[in-house]
Amino acid sequence: MILPLPIQFDENEIFIILSTVVSWIIMFKLTRHLSAVTITIIWTFNIFLALLADVTIGVKPNDFYFTIDHKTLELFDELLHFVTYPTLPYFVVNFYQYKKPKGSKLLFYIIFWAGVAITLEWISIKFHVFTYTGWKLYLSFLVYLVIFATNIWLSTLTETKHPIQPTSTN
């Protein structure tokens, strides 16, 4: 099945393209503190979460929001799910594995990243990437707290079994 292109190419598609390009440039410029196994698991897990949200709270009977221009799936929805969404949790766990905050620092770390996430979500609302029909931004903040805590737990578990291999510099 080939996904349809947008009916009208406008600000939300431009926002998705720009945010994806910027996040991927940052991702490849920063030092990586995760193994390939961890990256694969975190990436896949967050794709699953994005799709799960869309099929549980983004459709009837809940129908709390829709993405892009309408309620039907299009190419840019898939770009969001598979390429754009997983970058933020990648940053969360990559920096976590570098700093490894504990106790109250970990709590503030997760709260900070949830704040970053809702800020990005708020900006995406302004560009009509999301249209809320019952969802509230503060609910996203609560969800991000759980998602980022789970991602940190998952990355720690994975890195214990499959740690990043040091690269040799000649």
C-alpha atoms as a PDB file:
ATOM      1  CA  MET A   1       0.000   0.000   0.000  1.00  0.00           C
ATOM      2  CA  ILE A   2       1.465   3.328  -1.003  1.00  0.00           C
ATOM      3  CA  LEU A   3       0.554   6.096   1.379  1.00  0.00           C
ATOM      4  CA  PRO A   4      -1.015   9.160  -0.158  1.00  0.00           C
ATOM      5  CA  LEU A   5       0.842  12.429  -0.338  1.00  0.00           C
ATOM      6  CA  PRO A   6      -0.644  15.411   1.495  1.00  0.00           C
ATOM      7  CA  ILE A   7      -3.646  17.034  -0.130  1.00  0.00           C
ATOM      8  CA  GLN A   8      -2.008  20.394   0.460  1.00  0.00           C
ATOM      9  CA  PHE A   9       1.711  20.796   1.169  1.00  0.00           C
ATOM     10  CA  ASP A  10       1.780  23.468   3.862  1.00  0.00           C
ATOM     11  CA  GLU A  11       3.278  24.513   7.189  1.00  0.00           C
ATOM     12  CA  ASN A  12       2.842  21.180   8.986  1.00  0.00           C
ATOM     13  CA  GLU A  13       4.726  19.198   6.341  1.00  0.00           C
ATOM     14  CA  ILE A  14       7.475  21.837   6.237  1.00  0.00           C
ATOM     15  CA  PHE A  15       7.698  21.742  10.044  1.00  0.00           C
ATOM     16  CA  ILE A  16       7.986  17.936  10.016  1.00  0.00           C
ATOM     17  CA  ILE A  17      10.713  17.983   7.377  1.00  0.00           C
ATOM     18  CA  LEU A  18      12.712  20.710   9.130  1.00  0.00           C
ATOM     19  CA  SER A  19      12.391  19.216  12.608  1.00  0.00           C
ATOM     20  CA  THR A  20      13.372  15.796  11.287  1.00  0.00           C
ATOM     21  CA  VAL A  21      16.427  17.121   9.459  1.00  0.00           C
ATOM     22  CA  VAL A  22      17.552  19.216  12.437  1.00  0.00           C
ATOM     23  CA  SER A  23      17.085  16.393  14.946  1.00  0.00           C
ATOM     24  CA  TRP A  24      18.947  13.917  12.726  1.00  0.00           C
ATOM     25  CA  ILE A  25      21.837  16.333  12.200  1.00  0.00           C
ATOM     26  CA  ILE A  26      22.099  16.828  15.966  1.00  0.00           C
ATOM     27  CA  MET A  27      21.818  13.079  16.527  1.00  0.00           C
ATOM     28  CA  PHE A  28      24.742  12.334  14.224  1.00  0.00           C
ATOM     29  CA  LYS A  29      26.873  15.246  15.470  1.00  0.00           C
ATOM     30  CA  LEU A  30      26.648  14.299  19.153  1.00  0.00           C
ATOM     31  CA  THR A  31      28.803  11.638  20.731  1.00  0.00           C
ATOM     32  CA  ARG A  32      26.951   8.352  20.932  1.00  0.00           C
ATOM     33  CA  HIS A  33      26.828   6.686  24.367  1.00  0.00           C
ATOM     34  CA  LEU A  34      24.577   3.784  23.365  1.00  0.00           C
ATOM     35  CA  SER A  35      25.192   0.443  21.738  1.00  0.00           C
ATOM     36  CA  ALA A  36      23.595  -0.360  18.401  1.00  0.00           C
ATOM     37  CA  VAL A  37      21.387  -2.883  20.210  1.00  0.00           C
ATOM     38  CA  THR A  38      20.122  -0.226  22.619  1.00  0.00           C
ATOM     39  CA  ILE A  39      19.469   2.244  19.820  1.00  0.00           C
ATOM     40  CA  THR A  40      17.491  -0.374  17.899  1.00  0.00           C
ATOM     41  CA  ILE A  41      15.424  -1.337  20.944  1.00  0.00           C
ATOM     42  CA  ILE A  42      14.744   2.269  22.001  1.00  0.00           C
ATOM     43  CA  TRP A  43      13.885   3.293  18.445  1.00  0.00           C
ATOM     44  CA  THR A  44      11.528   0.356  17.917  1.00  0.00           C
ATOM     45  CA  PHE A  45       9.918   0.787  21.338  1.00  0.00           C
ATOM     46  CA  ASN A  46       9.113   4.446  20.635  1.00  0.00           C
ATOM     47  CA  ILE A  47       7.711   3.706  17.191  1.00  0.00           C
ATOM     48  CA  PHE A  48       5.448   1.189  18.914  1.00  0.00           C
ATOM     49  CA  LEU A  49       4.381   3.808  21.495  1.00  0.00           C
ATOM     50  CA  ALA A  50       3.604   6.407  18.822  1.00  0.00           C
ATOM     51  CA  LEU A  51       1.523   3.928  16.827  1.00  0.00           C
ATOM     52  CA  LEU A  52      -0.179   2.668  19.986  1.00  0.00           C
ATOM     53  CA  ALA A  53      -1.191   6.217  20.940  1.00  0.00           C
ATOM     54  CA  ASP A  54      -2.617   6.828  17.486  1.00  0.00           C
ATOM     55  CA  VAL A  55      -4.704   3.651  17.498  1.00  0.00           C
ATOM     56  CA  THR A  56      -5.924   3.947  21.090  1.00  0.00           C
ATOM     57  CA  ILE A  57      -6.553   7.636  21.765  1.00  0.00           C
ATOM     58  CA  GLY A  58      -6.411   9.070  18.259  1.00  0.00           C
ATOM     59  CA  VAL A  59      -9.310   7.092  16.797  1.00  0.00           C
ATOM     60  CA  LYS A  60     -12.935   6.413  17.689  1.00  0.00           C
ATOM     61  CA  PRO A  61     -14.327   6.036  20.294  1.00  0.00           C
ATOM     62  CA  ASN A  62     -11.745   8.313  21.973  1.00  0.00           C
ATOM     63  CA  ASP A  63     -10.765  10.475  19.005  1.00  0.00           C
ATOM     64  CA  PHE A  64      -8.753  12.917  21.174  1.00  0.00           C
ATOM     65  CA  TYR A  65      -6.532  14.239  18.387  1.00  0.00           C
ATOM     66  CA  PHE A  66      -5.409  13.814  14.818  1.00  0.00           C
ATOM     67  CA  THR A  67      -2.169  14.510  13.042  1.00  0.00           C
ATOM     68  CA  ILE A  68      -1.317  16.573   9.994  1.00  0.00           C
ATOM     69  CA  ASP A  69      -4.313  17.742   7.970  1.00  0.00           C
ATOM     70  CA  HIS A  70      -6.953  15.096   8.533  1.00  0.00           C
ATOM     71  CA  LYS A  71      -7.830  11.856  10.289  1.00  0.00           C
ATOM     72  CA  THR A  72      -6.632   9.542   7.520  1.00  0.00           C
ATOM     73  CA  LEU A  73      -3.120   8.178   7.260  1.00  0.00           C
ATOM     74  CA  GLU A  74      -0.719   9.852   4.857  1.00  0.00           C
ATOM     75  CA  LEU A  75       2.999   9.750   4.109  1.00  0.00           C
ATOM     76  CA  PHE A  76       3.934  12.407   6.673  1.00  0.00           C
ATOM     77  CA  ASP A  77       2.210  10.459   9.471  1.00  0.00           C
ATOM     78  CA  GLU A  78       4.616   7.628   8.801  1.00  0.00           C
ATOM     79  CA  LEU A  79       7.573  10.005   8.711  1.00  0.00           C
ATOM     80  CA  LEU A  80       6.493  11.233  12.151  1.00  0.00           C
ATOM     81  CA  HIS A  81       6.116   7.721  13.586  1.00  0.00           C
ATOM     82  CA  PHE A  82       9.223   6.082  12.185  1.00  0.00           C
ATOM     83  CA  VAL A  83      11.749   8.897  11.748  1.00  0.00           C
ATOM     84  CA  THR A  84      10.871  11.959  13.827  1.00  0.00           C
ATOM     85  CA  TYR A  85       9.239  10.730  17.086  1.00  0.00           C
ATOM     86  CA  PRO A  86      12.010   8.367  18.210  1.00  0.00           C
ATOM     87  CA  THR A  87      14.730  11.034  18.103  1.00  0.00           C
ATOM     88  CA  LEU A  88      13.752  12.744  21.364  1.00  0.00           C
ATOM     89  CA  PRO A  89      13.772   9.522  23.451  1.00  0.00           C
ATOM     90  CA  TYR A  90      17.101   8.737  21.770  1.00  0.00           C
ATOM     91  CA  PHE A  91      18.497  12.038  23.114  1.00  0.00           C
ATOM     92  CA  VAL A  92      17.016  11.330  26.559  1.00  0.00           C
ATOM     93  CA  VAL A  93      18.673   7.934  26.905  1.00  0.00           C
ATOM     94  CA  ASN A  94      21.910   8.933  25.166  1.00  0.00           C
ATOM     95  CA  PHE A  95      22.495  11.811  27.595  1.00  0.00           C
ATOM     96  CA  TYR A  96      21.319   9.646  30.485  1.00  0.00           C
ATOM     97  CA  GLN A  97      23.903   6.983  29.682  1.00  0.00           C
ATOM     98  CA  TYR A  98      26.567   9.696  29.599  1.00  0.00           C
ATOM     99  CA  LYS A  99      25.661  11.485  32.860  1.00  0.00           C
ATOM    100  CA  LYS A 100      23.758   8.713  34.724  1.00  0.00           C
ATOM    101  CA  PRO A 101      21.989  11.002  37.205  1.00  0.00           C
ATOM    102  CA  LYS A 102      20.694   9.324  40.369  1.00  0.00           C
ATOM    103  CA  GLY A 103      18.051  10.146  42.970  1.00  0.00           C
ATOM    104  CA  SER A 104      16.554  13.623  42.785  1.00  0.00           C
ATOM    105  CA  LYS A 105      18.852  14.503  39.864  1.00  0.00           C
ATOM    106  CA  LEU A 106      17.232  11.697  37.869  1.00  0.00           C
ATOM    107  CA  LEU A 107      13.773  13.004  38.734  1.00  0.00           C
ATOM    108  CA  PHE A 108      14.724  16.524  37.605  1.00  0.00           C
ATOM    109  CA  TYR A 109      16.351  15.046  34.498  1.00  0.00           C
ATOM    110  CA  ILE A 110      13.110  13.306  33.519  1.00  0.00           C
ATOM    111  CA  ILE A 111      11.039  16.414  34.340  1.00  0.00           C
ATOM    112  CA  PHE A 112      13.405  18.544  32.241  1.00  0.00           C
ATOM    113  CA  TRP A 113      13.048  16.266  29.198  1.00  0.00           C
ATOM    114  CA  ALA A 114       9.265  16.088  29.633  1.00  0.00           C
ATOM    115  CA  GLY A 115       9.328  19.891  29.567  1.00  0.00           C
ATOM    116  CA  VAL A 116      11.377  19.827  26.370  1.00  0.00           C
ATOM    117  CA  ALA A 117       8.911  17.351  24.869  1.00  0.00           C
ATOM    118  CA  ILE A 118       5.799  19.392  25.651  1.00  0.00           C
ATOM    119  CA  THR A 119       7.519  22.529  24.385  1.00  0.00           C
ATOM    120  CA  LEU A 120       8.192  20.765  21.088  1.00  0.00           C
ATOM    121  CA  GLU A 121       4.645  19.425  21.064  1.00  0.00           C
ATOM    122  CA  TRP A 122       3.259  22.921  21.720  1.00  0.00           C
ATOM    123  CA  ILE A 123       5.298  24.273  18.785  1.00  0.00           C
ATOM    124  CA  SER A 124       4.042  21.440  16.585  1.00  0.00           C
ATOM    125  CA  ILE A 125       0.462  22.328  17.557  1.00  0.00           C
ATOM    126  CA  LYS A 126       1.104  25.892  16.369  1.00  0.00           C
ATOM    127  CA  PHE A 127       2.209  24.432  13.009  1.00  0.00           C
ATOM    128  CA  HIS A 128      -0.924  22.200  12.874  1.00  0.00           C
ATOM    129  CA  VAL A 129       0.985  18.937  13.137  1.00  0.00           C
ATOM    130  CA  PHE A 130      -1.471  17.981  15.887  1.00  0.00           C
ATOM    131  CA  THR A 131      -5.073  19.034  16.251  1.00  0.00           C
ATOM    132  CA  TYR A 132      -6.511  18.306  19.676  1.00  0.00           C
ATOM    133  CA  THR A 133     -10.174  17.314  19.809  1.00  0.00           C
ATOM    134  CA  GLY A 134     -10.185  16.405  23.500  1.00  0.00           C
ATOM    135  CA  TRP A 135      -6.541  15.905  24.463  1.00  0.00           C
ATOM    136  CA  LYS A 136      -4.759  18.450  26.683  1.00  0.00           C
ATOM    137  CA  LEU A 137      -1.079  19.400  26.686  1.00  0.00           C
ATOM    138  CA  TYR A 138      -0.707  18.715  30.429  1.00  0.00           C
ATOM    139  CA  LEU A 139      -1.730  15.105  29.757  1.00  0.00           C
ATOM    140  CA  SER A 140       1.188  14.832  27.353  1.00  0.00           C
ATOM    141  CA  PHE A 141       3.535  16.034  30.109  1.00  0.00           C
ATOM    142  CA  LEU A 142       2.369  13.197  32.370  1.00  0.00           C
ATOM    143  CA  VAL A 143       2.719  10.686  29.550  1.00  0.00           C
ATOM    144  CA  TYR A 144       6.237  11.907  28.751  1.00  0.00           C
ATOM    145  CA  LEU A 145       7.283  11.430  32.380  1.00  0.00           C
ATOM    146  CA  VAL A 146       6.309   7.751  32.147  1.00  0.00           C
ATOM    147  CA  ILE A 147       7.713   7.286  28.636  1.00  0.00           C
ATOM    148  CA  PHE A 148      11.108   8.797  29.458  1.00  0.00           C
ATOM    149  CA  ALA A 149      11.400   6.908  32.747  1.00  0.00           C
ATOM    150  CA  THR A 150      10.577   3.686  30.890  1.00  0.00           C
ATOM    151  CA  ASN A 151      13.082   4.482  28.144  1.00  0.00           C
ATOM    152  CA  ILE A 152      15.808   5.091  30.738  1.00  0.00           C
ATOM    153  CA  TRP A 153      14.987   1.823  32.468  1.00  0.00           C
ATOM    154  CA  LEU A 154      14.970  -0.035  29.136  1.00  0.00           C
ATOM    155  CA  SER A 155      18.249   1.522  27.991  1.00  0.00           C
ATOM    156  CA  THR A 156      19.935   0.697  31.304  1.00  0.00           C
ATOM    157  CA  LEU A 157      18.744  -2.894  31.094  1.00  0.00           C
ATOM    158  CA  THR A 158      19.910  -3.198  27.485  1.00  0.00           C
ATOM    159  CA  GLU A 159      23.270  -1.487  28.068  1.00  0.00           C
ATOM    160  CA  THR A 160      23.936  -3.894  30.951  1.00  0.00           C
ATOM    161  CA  LYS A 161      23.618  -6.848  28.596  1.00  0.00           C
ATOM    162  CA  HIS A 162      24.900  -5.163  25.410  1.00  0.00           C
ATOM    163  CA  PRO A 163      27.218  -2.285  26.361  1.00  0.00           C
ATOM    164  CA  ILE A 164      28.570   0.099  23.791  1.00  0.00           C
ATOM    165  CA  GLN A 165      31.843  -1.156  22.376  1.00  0.00           C
ATOM    166  CA  PRO A 166      34.670   1.361  22.555  1.00  0.00           C
ATOM    167  CA  THR A 167      35.991   2.356  19.190  1.00  0.00           C
ATOM    168  CA  SER A 168      39.687   2.444  18.588  1.00  0.00           C
ATOM    169  CA  THR A 169      41.319   5.592  17.341  1.00  0.00           C
ATOM    170  CA  ASN A 170      44.376   4.954  15.239  1.00  0.00           C
END
